[in-house]
Amino acid sequence: AATQSSSSASGGMKALSAAADQLLADYVRSSSKFDGHALSPARRKWKRRKFAANQGDQVAAKVTRTDENGSWILAYVLRFYPESETYDVQDEDDTSKLIR
């Protein structure tokens, strides 16, 4: 009798686990905004412009066009150029450095 009740309990746990998995899958499917289609290039560009750093924001900027090949600096945003998606930033440590 004990073996029979433990196997039915085990079966009940498996059924409960399967129901929970299905409930979670249904929730994820219903709450997800991804429809399987990638954003168009124009829409991606619009999102990058919308969420661009603002003037005065402190940012980590990767410097790639100088002798500091690929180094990161802490800087403040001076200006954002939406047409080229570039920034003018000023190095926080060396205020004489203006980098685009």
C-alpha atoms as a PDB file:
ATOM      1  CA  ALA A   1       0.000   0.000   0.000  1.00  0.00           C
ATOM      2  CA  ALA A   2       2.897   2.349   0.803  1.00  0.00           C
ATOM      3  CA  THR A   3       4.473   1.761  -2.614  1.00  0.00           C
ATOM      4  CA  GLN A   4       1.225   2.493  -4.366  1.00  0.00           C
ATOM      5  CA  SER A   5       0.671   5.804  -2.528  1.00  0.00           C
ATOM      6  CA  SER A   6       4.258   7.015  -3.147  1.00  0.00           C
ATOM      7  CA  SER A   7       3.974   6.286  -6.882  1.00  0.00           C
ATOM      8  CA  SER A   8       0.639   8.140  -7.076  1.00  0.00           C
ATOM      9  CA  ALA A   9       2.208  11.062  -5.189  1.00  0.00           C
ATOM     10  CA  SER A  10       5.095  11.033  -7.644  1.00  0.00           C
ATOM     11  CA  GLY A  11       2.648  11.020 -10.555  1.00  0.00           C
ATOM     12  CA  GLY A  12       0.772  13.910  -8.965  1.00  0.00           C
ATOM     13  CA  MET A  13       3.968  15.928  -8.638  1.00  0.00           C
ATOM     14  CA  LYS A  14       4.810  15.286 -12.305  1.00  0.00           C
ATOM     15  CA  ALA A  15       1.330  16.417 -13.354  1.00  0.00           C
ATOM     16  CA  LEU A  16       1.633  19.515 -11.172  1.00  0.00           C
ATOM     17  CA  SER A  17       5.068  20.283 -12.616  1.00  0.00           C
ATOM     18  CA  ALA A  18       3.772  19.867 -16.183  1.00  0.00           C
ATOM     19  CA  ALA A  19       0.827  22.166 -15.418  1.00  0.00           C
ATOM     20  CA  ALA A  20       3.167  24.792 -13.959  1.00  0.00           C
ATOM     21  CA  ASP A  21       5.433  24.560 -17.021  1.00  0.00           C
ATOM     22  CA  GLN A  22       2.434  25.037 -19.326  1.00  0.00           C
ATOM     23  CA  LEU A  23       1.171  27.986 -17.273  1.00  0.00           C
ATOM     24  CA  LEU A  24       4.595  29.641 -17.416  1.00  0.00           C
ATOM     25  CA  ALA A  25       4.875  29.042 -21.177  1.00  0.00           C
ATOM     26  CA  ASP A  26       1.409  30.563 -21.716  1.00  0.00           C
ATOM     27  CA  TYR A  27       2.335  33.608 -19.607  1.00  0.00           C
ATOM     28  CA  VAL A  28       5.593  34.189 -21.484  1.00  0.00           C
ATOM     29  CA  ARG A  29       3.827  33.840 -24.824  1.00  0.00           C
ATOM     30  CA  SER A  30       1.049  36.262 -23.855  1.00  0.00           C
ATOM     31  CA  SER A  31       3.306  38.880 -22.256  1.00  0.00           C
ATOM     32  CA  SER A  32       6.066  38.869 -24.866  1.00  0.00           C
ATOM     33  CA  LYS A  33       6.185  41.761 -27.313  1.00  0.00           C
ATOM     34  CA  PHE A  34       8.491  40.030 -29.787  1.00  0.00           C
ATOM     35  CA  ASP A  35       6.532  39.004 -32.868  1.00  0.00           C
ATOM     36  CA  GLY A  36       9.344  37.164 -34.635  1.00  0.00           C
ATOM     37  CA  HIS A  37      10.223  40.054 -36.952  1.00  0.00           C
ATOM     38  CA  ALA A  38      13.404  42.106 -36.647  1.00  0.00           C
ATOM     39  CA  LEU A  39      13.109  45.875 -36.503  1.00  0.00           C
ATOM     40  CA  SER A  40      13.659  47.725 -39.739  1.00  0.00           C
ATOM     41  CA  PRO A  41      16.915  49.709 -40.052  1.00  0.00           C
ATOM     42  CA  ALA A  42      14.941  52.972 -39.830  1.00  0.00           C
ATOM     43  CA  ARG A  43      13.204  51.833 -36.635  1.00  0.00           C
ATOM     44  CA  ARG A  44      16.511  50.718 -35.066  1.00  0.00           C
ATOM     45  CA  LYS A  45      18.033  54.116 -35.905  1.00  0.00           C
ATOM     46  CA  TRP A  46      15.016  55.905 -34.403  1.00  0.00           C
ATOM     47  CA  LYS A  47      15.375  53.901 -31.155  1.00  0.00           C
ATOM     48  CA  ARG A  48      19.103  54.683 -30.925  1.00  0.00           C
ATOM     49  CA  ARG A  49      18.347  58.407 -31.352  1.00  0.00           C
ATOM     50  CA  LYS A  50      15.488  58.330 -28.856  1.00  0.00           C
ATOM     51  CA  PHE A  51      17.625  56.718 -26.156  1.00  0.00           C
ATOM     52  CA  ALA A  52      20.842  58.628 -26.916  1.00  0.00           C
ATOM     53  CA  ALA A  53      22.757  60.139 -24.011  1.00  0.00           C
ATOM     54  CA  ASN A  54      21.842  63.756 -23.307  1.00  0.00           C
ATOM     55  CA  GLN A  55      24.114  66.768 -23.007  1.00  0.00           C
ATOM     56  CA  GLY A  56      25.823  66.699 -19.611  1.00  0.00           C
ATOM     57  CA  ASP A  57      25.391  62.948 -19.083  1.00  0.00           C
ATOM     58  CA  GLN A  58      28.407  61.114 -17.724  1.00  0.00           C
ATOM     59  CA  VAL A  59      29.365  58.210 -19.985  1.00  0.00           C
ATOM     60  CA  ALA A  60      32.069  55.627 -20.529  1.00  0.00           C
ATOM     61  CA  ALA A  61      33.455  56.368 -23.998  1.00  0.00           C
ATOM     62  CA  LYS A  62      35.673  54.060 -26.029  1.00  0.00           C
ATOM     63  CA  VAL A  63      38.469  55.987 -27.708  1.00  0.00           C
ATOM     64  CA  THR A  64      39.488  54.308 -30.954  1.00  0.00           C
ATOM     65  CA  ARG A  65      40.921  57.058 -33.172  1.00  0.00           C
ATOM     66  CA  THR A  66      43.869  58.137 -31.066  1.00  0.00           C
ATOM     67  CA  ASP A  67      47.157  56.686 -29.910  1.00  0.00           C
ATOM     68  CA  GLU A  68      45.203  55.262 -26.931  1.00  0.00           C
ATOM     69  CA  ASN A  69      43.935  52.523 -29.272  1.00  0.00           C
ATOM     70  CA  GLY A  70      40.746  51.067 -27.820  1.00  0.00           C
ATOM     71  CA  SER A  71      40.934  52.554 -24.328  1.00  0.00           C
ATOM     72  CA  TRP A  72      37.899  53.658 -22.340  1.00  0.00           C
ATOM     73  CA  ILE A  73      37.541  57.025 -20.630  1.00  0.00           C
ATOM     74  CA  LEU A  74      35.032  58.609 -18.296  1.00  0.00           C
ATOM     75  CA  ALA A  75      33.570  61.607 -20.093  1.00  0.00           C
ATOM     76  CA  TYR A  76      30.691  64.077 -20.275  1.00  0.00           C
ATOM     77  CA  VAL A  77      28.500  64.380 -23.349  1.00  0.00           C
ATOM     78  CA  LEU A  78      28.751  67.787 -24.978  1.00  0.00           C
ATOM     79  CA  ARG A  79      26.683  67.106 -28.099  1.00  0.00           C
ATOM     80  CA  PHE A  80      24.993  64.275 -29.998  1.00  0.00           C
ATOM     81  CA  TYR A  81      24.884  64.282 -33.815  1.00  0.00           C
ATOM     82  CA  PRO A  82      21.824  62.235 -34.803  1.00  0.00           C
ATOM     83  CA  GLU A  83      22.624  62.128 -38.519  1.00  0.00           C
ATOM     84  CA  SER A  84      25.940  60.323 -37.920  1.00  0.00           C
ATOM     85  CA  GLU A  85      25.058  58.899 -34.477  1.00  0.00           C
ATOM     86  CA  THR A  86      28.257  60.282 -32.956  1.00  0.00           C
ATOM     87  CA  TYR A  87      28.970  62.324 -29.851  1.00  0.00           C
ATOM     88  CA  ASP A  88      31.286  65.107 -28.786  1.00  0.00           C
ATOM     89  CA  VAL A  89      32.544  64.190 -25.329  1.00  0.00           C
ATOM     90  CA  GLN A  90      34.967  65.793 -22.926  1.00  0.00           C
ATOM     91  CA  ASP A  91      37.358  63.638 -20.908  1.00  0.00           C
ATOM     92  CA  GLU A  92      36.597  64.051 -17.210  1.00  0.00           C
ATOM     93  CA  ASP A  93      40.272  63.721 -16.185  1.00  0.00           C
ATOM     94  CA  ASP A  94      41.809  65.844 -18.950  1.00  0.00           C
ATOM     95  CA  THR A  95      39.423  68.709 -19.736  1.00  0.00           C
ATOM     96  CA  SER A  96      41.598  69.809 -22.646  1.00  0.00           C
ATOM     97  CA  LYS A  97      40.580  66.635 -24.513  1.00  0.00           C
ATOM     98  CA  LEU A  98      37.504  67.009 -26.713  1.00  0.00           C
ATOM     99  CA  ILE A  99      36.699  63.788 -28.546  1.00  0.00           C
ATOM    100  CA  ARG A 100      34.193  62.987 -31.275  1.00  0.00           C
END
